[in-house]
Amino acid sequence: MNGLRYCVYLLRCGDGSLYCGITTDLQRRVREHREGKGARYTAAHLPVELEYATSCWFDRAEAQAVETRVKSRRRGEKKSFLEEVERARFERESERTETAGKGGFPNQGWVV
């Protein structure tokens, strides 16, 4: 593992479609997309606006797994799915903090 942390984001394209990606630097990546230097898809569907980005960060494998699952959802389900993943992640982090003080072992899985 490279130690970098990734957020998962959604962009709303000029035609109303959604683009999902991962990044270690959200501001830089959104700027690249807006300048047509991001992905081929967004370059062909300008302008783009940030629709949603997770506030929790994942290792690369987790972020890619979430991205893949988002891409398999219908347009209207993508944002709510990301919100659900994020909610579950925060709940696990809370449980882990509580359990750590009791000497227990929290559930390591994150998939909703």
N, C-alpha and C. Protein backbone atom coordinates (compact mmCIF):
# COMPACT_ATOMS: atom_id res chain seq x y z
N MET A 1 0.85 -1.18 0.00
CA MET A 1 0.00 0.00 0.00
C MET A 1 0.88 1.24 0.00
N ASN A 2 0.50 2.25 -0.78
CA ASN A 2 1.32 3.44 -0.92
C ASN A 2 1.10 4.48 0.18
N GLY A 3 0.13 4.29 1.04
CA GLY A 3 -0.12 5.21 2.14
C GLY A 3 -0.97 6.41 1.78
N LEU A 4 -1.23 6.62 0.49
CA LEU A 4 -2.07 7.73 0.08
C LEU A 4 -3.52 7.43 0.40
N ARG A 5 -4.30 8.47 0.61
CA ARG A 5 -5.73 8.33 0.89
C ARG A 5 -6.50 8.99 -0.25
N TYR A 6 -7.60 8.36 -0.63
CA TYR A 6 -8.38 8.79 -1.79
C TYR A 6 -9.81 9.10 -1.39
N CYS A 7 -10.38 10.13 -2.00
CA CYS A 7 -11.81 10.36 -1.87
C CYS A 7 -12.46 9.93 -3.17
N VAL A 8 -13.74 9.65 -3.11
CA VAL A 8 -14.53 9.28 -4.28
C VAL A 8 -15.42 10.47 -4.58
N TYR A 9 -15.49 10.87 -5.85
CA TYR A 9 -16.26 12.07 -6.19
C TYR A 9 -17.16 11.82 -7.39
N LEU A 10 -18.20 12.66 -7.48
CA LEU A 10 -19.13 12.65 -8.61
C LEU A 10 -19.12 14.02 -9.26
N LEU A 11 -19.02 14.05 -10.57
CA LEU A 11 -19.14 15.30 -11.32
C LEU A 11 -20.43 15.26 -12.12
N ARG A 12 -21.13 16.38 -12.18
CA ARG A 12 -22.30 16.52 -13.04
C ARG A 12 -21.80 17.16 -14.34
N CYS A 13 -21.98 16.44 -15.45
CA CYS A 13 -21.52 16.92 -16.75
C CYS A 13 -22.57 17.81 -17.40
N GLY A 14 -22.15 18.53 -18.44
CA GLY A 14 -23.03 19.47 -19.13
C GLY A 14 -24.28 18.85 -19.70
N ASP A 15 -24.25 17.56 -20.02
CA ASP A 15 -25.43 16.88 -20.56
C ASP A 15 -26.28 16.24 -19.48
N GLY A 16 -25.92 16.47 -18.19
CA GLY A 16 -26.68 15.91 -17.07
C GLY A 16 -26.18 14.57 -16.59
N SER A 17 -25.26 13.97 -17.30
CA SER A 17 -24.72 12.68 -16.87
C SER A 17 -23.80 12.87 -15.67
N LEU A 18 -23.49 11.78 -14.99
CA LEU A 18 -22.59 11.82 -13.83
C LEU A 18 -21.32 11.04 -14.14
N TYR A 19 -20.20 11.59 -13.70
CA TYR A 19 -18.91 10.92 -13.84
C TYR A 19 -18.39 10.65 -12.43
N CYS A 20 -17.92 9.44 -12.18
CA CYS A 20 -17.38 9.08 -10.87
C CYS A 20 -15.89 8.82 -11.00
N GLY A 21 -15.12 9.32 -10.03
CA GLY A 21 -13.68 9.09 -10.04
C GLY A 21 -13.14 9.08 -8.62
N ILE A 22 -11.83 8.82 -8.51
CA ILE A 22 -11.15 8.88 -7.22
C ILE A 22 -9.95 9.80 -7.36
N THR A 23 -9.54 10.39 -6.25
CA THR A 23 -8.38 11.29 -6.30
C THR A 23 -7.80 11.47 -4.90
N THR A 24 -6.54 11.86 -4.87
CA THR A 24 -5.88 12.23 -3.62
C THR A 24 -5.95 13.73 -3.39
N ASP A 25 -6.28 14.49 -4.44
CA ASP A 25 -6.33 15.95 -4.38
C ASP A 25 -7.57 16.42 -5.14
N LEU A 26 -8.66 16.61 -4.43
CA LEU A 26 -9.95 16.90 -5.06
C LEU A 26 -9.93 18.21 -5.84
N GLN A 27 -9.40 19.29 -5.26
CA GLN A 27 -9.41 20.58 -5.96
C GLN A 27 -8.64 20.51 -7.27
N ARG A 28 -7.46 19.88 -7.24
CA ARG A 28 -6.65 19.75 -8.45
C ARG A 28 -7.39 18.95 -9.51
N ARG A 29 -7.98 17.83 -9.09
CA ARG A 29 -8.64 16.94 -10.05
C ARG A 29 -9.86 17.59 -10.68
N VAL A 30 -10.67 18.30 -9.90
CA VAL A 30 -11.84 18.99 -10.46
C VAL A 30 -11.37 20.06 -11.45
N ARG A 31 -10.31 20.79 -11.11
CA ARG A 31 -9.76 21.80 -12.01
C ARG A 31 -9.33 21.16 -13.33
N GLU A 32 -8.65 20.00 -13.24
CA GLU A 32 -8.23 19.30 -14.45
C GLU A 32 -9.43 18.92 -15.32
N HIS A 33 -10.47 18.41 -14.70
CA HIS A 33 -11.68 18.05 -15.45
C HIS A 33 -12.27 19.30 -16.13
N ARG A 34 -12.38 20.41 -15.39
CA ARG A 34 -12.96 21.63 -15.95
C ARG A 34 -12.15 22.18 -17.11
N GLU A 35 -10.85 21.95 -17.09
CA GLU A 35 -9.97 22.42 -18.17
C GLU A 35 -9.90 21.43 -19.33
N GLY A 36 -10.67 20.34 -19.24
CA GLY A 36 -10.67 19.34 -20.30
C GLY A 36 -9.46 18.43 -20.27
N LYS A 37 -8.73 18.43 -19.15
CA LYS A 37 -7.52 17.63 -19.01
C LYS A 37 -7.71 16.44 -18.06
N GLY A 38 -8.92 16.20 -17.63
CA GLY A 38 -9.19 15.11 -16.70
C GLY A 38 -9.33 13.81 -17.46
N ALA A 39 -10.53 13.32 -17.56
CA ALA A 39 -10.82 12.08 -18.29
C ALA A 39 -11.37 12.43 -19.68
N ARG A 40 -11.21 11.52 -20.61
CA ARG A 40 -11.77 11.74 -21.96
C ARG A 40 -13.27 11.98 -21.89
N TYR A 41 -13.94 11.23 -21.00
CA TYR A 41 -15.39 11.36 -20.91
C TYR A 41 -15.79 12.78 -20.52
N THR A 42 -15.18 13.31 -19.46
CA THR A 42 -15.57 14.65 -19.02
C THR A 42 -15.14 15.71 -20.02
N ALA A 43 -14.02 15.51 -20.69
CA ALA A 43 -13.57 16.47 -21.70
C ALA A 43 -14.60 16.59 -22.83
N ALA A 44 -15.29 15.49 -23.11
CA ALA A 44 -16.30 15.48 -24.17
C ALA A 44 -17.68 15.92 -23.68
N HIS A 45 -17.81 16.14 -22.36
CA HIS A 45 -19.12 16.48 -21.79
C HIS A 45 -19.04 17.73 -20.91
N LEU A 46 -18.22 18.68 -21.30
CA LEU A 46 -18.08 19.92 -20.54
C LEU A 46 -19.34 20.76 -20.66
N PRO A 47 -19.60 21.65 -19.71
CA PRO A 47 -18.85 21.89 -18.47
C PRO A 47 -19.19 20.85 -17.40
N VAL A 48 -18.34 20.77 -16.39
CA VAL A 48 -18.58 19.85 -15.28
C VAL A 48 -18.60 20.63 -13.97
N GLU A 49 -19.40 20.15 -13.05
CA GLU A 49 -19.49 20.72 -11.71
C GLU A 49 -19.41 19.59 -10.69
N LEU A 50 -18.76 19.86 -9.58
CA LEU A 50 -18.68 18.86 -8.52
C LEU A 50 -20.06 18.66 -7.92
N GLU A 51 -20.55 17.44 -7.97
CA GLU A 51 -21.86 17.09 -7.43
C GLU A 51 -21.72 16.59 -5.99
N TYR A 52 -20.70 15.77 -5.73
CA TYR A 52 -20.53 15.17 -4.40
C TYR A 52 -19.12 14.62 -4.27
N ALA A 53 -18.58 14.71 -3.09
CA ALA A 53 -17.29 14.07 -2.77
C ALA A 53 -17.37 13.54 -1.35
N THR A 54 -16.84 12.36 -1.15
CA THR A 54 -16.85 11.79 0.20
C THR A 54 -15.94 12.62 1.10
N SER A 55 -16.34 12.78 2.32
CA SER A 55 -15.50 13.48 3.29
C SER A 55 -14.60 12.49 4.02
N CYS A 56 -14.88 11.20 3.87
CA CYS A 56 -13.97 10.20 4.43
C CYS A 56 -13.04 9.74 3.31
N TRP A 57 -11.88 9.29 3.70
CA TRP A 57 -10.84 8.93 2.75
C TRP A 57 -10.57 7.44 2.84
N PHE A 58 -10.25 6.83 1.70
CA PHE A 58 -10.04 5.39 1.58
C PHE A 58 -8.64 5.11 1.06
N ASP A 59 -8.14 3.88 1.30
CA ASP A 59 -6.92 3.51 0.60
C ASP A 59 -7.33 3.26 -0.86
N ARG A 60 -6.35 3.12 -1.74
CA ARG A 60 -6.65 3.06 -3.18
C ARG A 60 -7.59 1.90 -3.54
N ALA A 61 -7.34 0.73 -2.99
CA ALA A 61 -8.18 -0.44 -3.32
C ALA A 61 -9.62 -0.22 -2.89
N GLU A 62 -9.82 0.33 -1.69
CA GLU A 62 -11.18 0.62 -1.22
C GLU A 62 -11.86 1.63 -2.13
N ALA A 63 -11.14 2.70 -2.46
CA ALA A 63 -11.71 3.75 -3.30
C ALA A 63 -12.10 3.21 -4.67
N GLN A 64 -11.24 2.38 -5.24
CA GLN A 64 -11.55 1.79 -6.55
C GLN A 64 -12.76 0.86 -6.46
N ALA A 65 -12.88 0.13 -5.37
CA ALA A 65 -14.03 -0.76 -5.19
C ALA A 65 -15.32 0.05 -5.07
N VAL A 66 -15.28 1.14 -4.31
CA VAL A 66 -16.46 2.01 -4.18
C VAL A 66 -16.80 2.61 -5.54
N GLU A 67 -15.78 3.11 -6.25
CA GLU A 67 -15.99 3.70 -7.58
C GLU A 67 -16.67 2.70 -8.52
N THR A 68 -16.22 1.46 -8.53
CA THR A 68 -16.80 0.43 -9.38
C THR A 68 -18.26 0.20 -9.03
N ARG A 69 -18.55 0.16 -7.74
CA ARG A 69 -19.94 -0.06 -7.31
C ARG A 69 -20.82 1.14 -7.66
N VAL A 70 -20.28 2.35 -7.55
CA VAL A 70 -21.04 3.55 -7.93
C VAL A 70 -21.37 3.48 -9.42
N LYS A 71 -20.40 3.13 -10.24
CA LYS A 71 -20.59 3.10 -11.68
C LYS A 71 -21.63 2.07 -12.11
N SER A 72 -21.88 1.07 -11.28
CA SER A 72 -22.88 0.06 -11.63
C SER A 72 -24.30 0.50 -11.25
N ARG A 73 -24.42 1.62 -10.54
CA ARG A 73 -25.72 2.14 -10.12
C ARG A 73 -26.34 3.02 -11.21
N ARG A 74 -27.65 3.17 -11.13
CA ARG A 74 -28.34 4.11 -12.01
C ARG A 74 -28.01 5.54 -11.57
N ARG A 75 -28.17 6.47 -12.48
CA ARG A 75 -27.81 7.87 -12.22
C ARG A 75 -28.41 8.38 -10.91
N GLY A 76 -29.69 8.13 -10.69
CA GLY A 76 -30.36 8.63 -9.50
C GLY A 76 -29.94 7.95 -8.20
N GLU A 77 -29.20 6.86 -8.28
CA GLU A 77 -28.78 6.10 -7.10
C GLU A 77 -27.33 6.37 -6.69
N LYS A 78 -26.56 6.99 -7.56
CA LYS A 78 -25.11 7.13 -7.33
C LYS A 78 -24.80 7.95 -6.08
N LYS A 79 -25.37 9.14 -5.98
CA LYS A 79 -25.08 10.01 -4.84
C LYS A 79 -25.55 9.38 -3.54
N SER A 80 -26.76 8.85 -3.52
CA SER A 80 -27.27 8.25 -2.29
C SER A 80 -26.44 7.03 -1.89
N PHE A 81 -25.93 6.27 -2.87
CA PHE A 81 -25.06 5.14 -2.55
C PHE A 81 -23.79 5.63 -1.87
N LEU A 82 -23.17 6.68 -2.41
CA LEU A 82 -21.95 7.23 -1.79
C LEU A 82 -22.24 7.73 -0.37
N GLU A 83 -23.38 8.38 -0.19
CA GLU A 83 -23.75 8.85 1.15
C GLU A 83 -23.91 7.67 2.10
N GLU A 84 -24.48 6.58 1.61
CA GLU A 84 -24.67 5.39 2.44
C GLU A 84 -23.33 4.76 2.82
N VAL A 85 -22.42 4.67 1.86
CA VAL A 85 -21.08 4.13 2.13
C VAL A 85 -20.38 4.99 3.18
N GLU A 86 -20.50 6.29 3.02
CA GLU A 86 -19.86 7.22 3.96
C GLU A 86 -20.46 7.10 5.36
N ARG A 87 -21.77 7.01 5.43
CA ARG A 87 -22.45 6.85 6.73
C ARG A 87 -21.99 5.58 7.42
N ALA A 88 -21.91 4.48 6.66
CA ALA A 88 -21.47 3.21 7.22
C ALA A 88 -20.02 3.31 7.70
N ARG A 89 -19.20 4.02 6.95
CA ARG A 89 -17.79 4.19 7.32
C ARG A 89 -17.67 4.95 8.64
N PHE A 90 -18.45 6.04 8.79
CA PHE A 90 -18.41 6.81 10.03
C PHE A 90 -18.90 5.99 11.22
N GLU A 91 -19.93 5.18 11.00
CA GLU A 91 -20.44 4.32 12.07
C GLU A 91 -19.39 3.32 12.51
N ARG A 92 -18.69 2.71 11.54
CA ARG A 92 -17.62 1.77 11.87
C ARG A 92 -16.49 2.45 12.63
N GLU A 93 -16.14 3.67 12.20
CA GLU A 93 -15.08 4.40 12.89
C GLU A 93 -15.48 4.69 14.34
N SER A 94 -16.74 5.03 14.55
CA SER A 94 -17.24 5.28 15.91
C SER A 94 -17.18 4.00 16.74
N GLU A 95 -17.62 2.89 16.16
CA GLU A 95 -17.58 1.60 16.86
C GLU A 95 -16.15 1.21 17.18
N ARG A 96 -15.25 1.44 16.22
CA ARG A 96 -13.84 1.08 16.41
C ARG A 96 -13.26 1.89 17.56
N THR A 97 -13.59 3.16 17.64
CA THR A 97 -13.10 4.01 18.73
C THR A 97 -13.64 3.52 20.06
N GLU A 98 -14.93 3.20 20.10
CA GLU A 98 -15.55 2.71 21.33
C GLU A 98 -14.98 1.34 21.72
N THR A 99 -14.84 0.44 20.76
CA THR A 99 -14.37 -0.92 21.01
C THR A 99 -12.90 -0.93 21.41
N ALA A 100 -12.10 -0.04 20.82
CA ALA A 100 -10.67 -0.02 21.11
C ALA A 100 -10.41 0.21 22.59
N GLY A 101 -11.22 1.03 23.21
CA GLY A 101 -11.05 1.30 24.64
C GLY A 101 -11.45 0.14 25.51
N LYS A 102 -12.20 -0.82 24.95
CA LYS A 102 -12.68 -1.98 25.71
C LYS A 102 -11.85 -3.22 25.41
N GLY A 103 -10.82 -3.08 24.55
CA GLY A 103 -9.96 -4.22 24.24
C GLY A 103 -10.56 -5.18 23.25
N GLY A 104 -11.64 -4.79 22.55
CA GLY A 104 -12.30 -5.67 21.59
C GLY A 104 -11.77 -5.47 20.19
N PHE A 105 -12.30 -6.24 19.28
CA PHE A 105 -11.90 -6.14 17.89
C PHE A 105 -13.11 -5.78 17.04
N PRO A 106 -13.10 -4.58 16.46
CA PRO A 106 -14.24 -4.14 15.65
C PRO A 106 -14.28 -4.85 14.30
N ASN A 107 -15.42 -4.82 13.68
CA ASN A 107 -15.60 -5.37 12.34
C ASN A 107 -14.78 -4.53 11.36
N GLN A 108 -13.92 -5.17 10.57
CA GLN A 108 -13.04 -4.47 9.64
C GLN A 108 -13.70 -4.19 8.29
N GLY A 109 -14.79 -4.86 7.96
CA GLY A 109 -15.42 -4.70 6.64
C GLY A 109 -16.07 -3.36 6.47
N TRP A 110 -16.04 -2.81 5.25
CA TRP A 110 -16.65 -1.50 4.99
C TRP A 110 -17.78 -1.56 3.98
N VAL A 111 -17.93 -2.65 3.26
CA VAL A 111 -18.90 -2.71 2.17
C VAL A 111 -20.31 -2.71 2.71
N VAL A 112 -21.14 -1.87 2.12
CA VAL A 112 -22.53 -1.75 2.54
C VAL A 112 -23.35 -2.81 1.84
